[in-house]
Amino acid sequence: TVLERLLENISFEATDRSGSTLVIDADYVDEHLDALVKDEDLSRYIL
């Protein structure tokens, strides 16, 4: 899903970021989902 794609790096690096804060804002979303948004077939990311 879209949310899984957005959070996959965060989940993978979670143990390294223990105690830190991560802000997910529009810039973060644009940076991490840019390729996904350009894909015209978004149906595979929708449950």
C-alpha atoms as a PDB file:
ATOM      1  CA  THR A   1       0.000   0.000   0.000  1.00  0.00           C
ATOM      2  CA  VAL A   2       1.017   3.632  -0.228  1.00  0.00           C
ATOM      3  CA  LEU A   3       1.519   3.870   3.527  1.00  0.00           C
ATOM      4  CA  GLU A   4       3.766   0.793   3.519  1.00  0.00           C
ATOM      5  CA  ARG A   5       5.915   2.343   0.791  1.00  0.00           C
ATOM      6  CA  LEU A   6       6.167   5.578   2.742  1.00  0.00           C
ATOM      7  CA  LEU A   7       7.196   3.872   5.971  1.00  0.00           C
ATOM      8  CA  GLU A   8       9.386   1.019   4.692  1.00  0.00           C
ATOM      9  CA  ASN A   9      12.722   2.829   5.226  1.00  0.00           C
ATOM     10  CA  ILE A  10      11.596   4.071   8.622  1.00  0.00           C
ATOM     11  CA  SER A  11      10.680   0.533   9.683  1.00  0.00           C
ATOM     12  CA  PHE A  12      13.966  -0.873   8.406  1.00  0.00           C
ATOM     13  CA  GLU A  13      16.061   1.752  10.230  1.00  0.00           C
ATOM     14  CA  ALA A  14      13.936   1.905  13.405  1.00  0.00           C
ATOM     15  CA  THR A  15      16.514   0.320  15.702  1.00  0.00           C
ATOM     16  CA  ASP A  16      19.181   2.794  14.535  1.00  0.00           C
ATOM     17  CA  ARG A  17      16.880   5.755  15.223  1.00  0.00           C
ATOM     18  CA  SER A  18      15.903   4.797  18.763  1.00  0.00           C
ATOM     19  CA  GLY A  19      15.045   7.878  20.802  1.00  0.00           C
ATOM     20  CA  SER A  20      14.971  10.233  17.830  1.00  0.00           C
ATOM     21  CA  THR A  21      12.005  12.012  16.309  1.00  0.00           C
ATOM     22  CA  LEU A  22      11.063  11.872  12.650  1.00  0.00           C
ATOM     23  CA  VAL A  23       8.725  14.414  11.113  1.00  0.00           C
ATOM     24  CA  ILE A  24       6.770  13.230   8.091  1.00  0.00           C
ATOM     25  CA  ASP A  25       5.728  16.327   6.201  1.00  0.00           C
ATOM     26  CA  ALA A  26       4.817  17.098   2.603  1.00  0.00           C
ATOM     27  CA  ASP A  27       8.480  17.325   1.575  1.00  0.00           C
ATOM     28  CA  TYR A  28       9.227  13.891   3.068  1.00  0.00           C
ATOM     29  CA  VAL A  29       6.243  12.368   1.275  1.00  0.00           C
ATOM     30  CA  ASP A  30       7.191  14.003  -2.029  1.00  0.00           C
ATOM     31  CA  GLU A  31      10.771  12.777  -1.714  1.00  0.00           C
ATOM     32  CA  HIS A  32       9.868   9.172  -0.886  1.00  0.00           C
ATOM     33  CA  LEU A  33       6.806   8.688  -3.101  1.00  0.00           C
ATOM     34  CA  ASP A  34       7.819  10.684  -6.162  1.00  0.00           C
ATOM     35  CA  ALA A  35       8.369   7.611  -8.352  1.00  0.00           C
ATOM     36  CA  LEU A  36       5.143   6.024  -7.118  1.00  0.00           C
ATOM     37  CA  VAL A  37       3.080   9.094  -7.923  1.00  0.00           C
ATOM     38  CA  LYS A  38       4.460   9.181 -11.469  1.00  0.00           C
ATOM     39  CA  ASP A  39       3.320   5.570 -12.016  1.00  0.00           C
ATOM     40  CA  GLU A  40      -0.039   5.681 -13.765  1.00  0.00           C
ATOM     41  CA  ASP A  41      -1.114   2.227 -12.515  1.00  0.00           C
ATOM     42  CA  LEU A  42      -1.659   2.938  -8.820  1.00  0.00           C
ATOM     43  CA  SER A  43      -4.142   0.064  -8.446  1.00  0.00           C
ATOM     44  CA  ARG A  44      -1.474  -2.269  -7.057  1.00  0.00           C
ATOM     45  CA  TYR A  45      -1.003   0.062  -4.077  1.00  0.00           C
ATOM     46  CA  ILE A  46      -4.680   0.275  -3.148  1.00  0.00           C
ATOM     47  CA  LEU A  47      -6.268  -2.379  -0.943  1.00  0.00           C
END
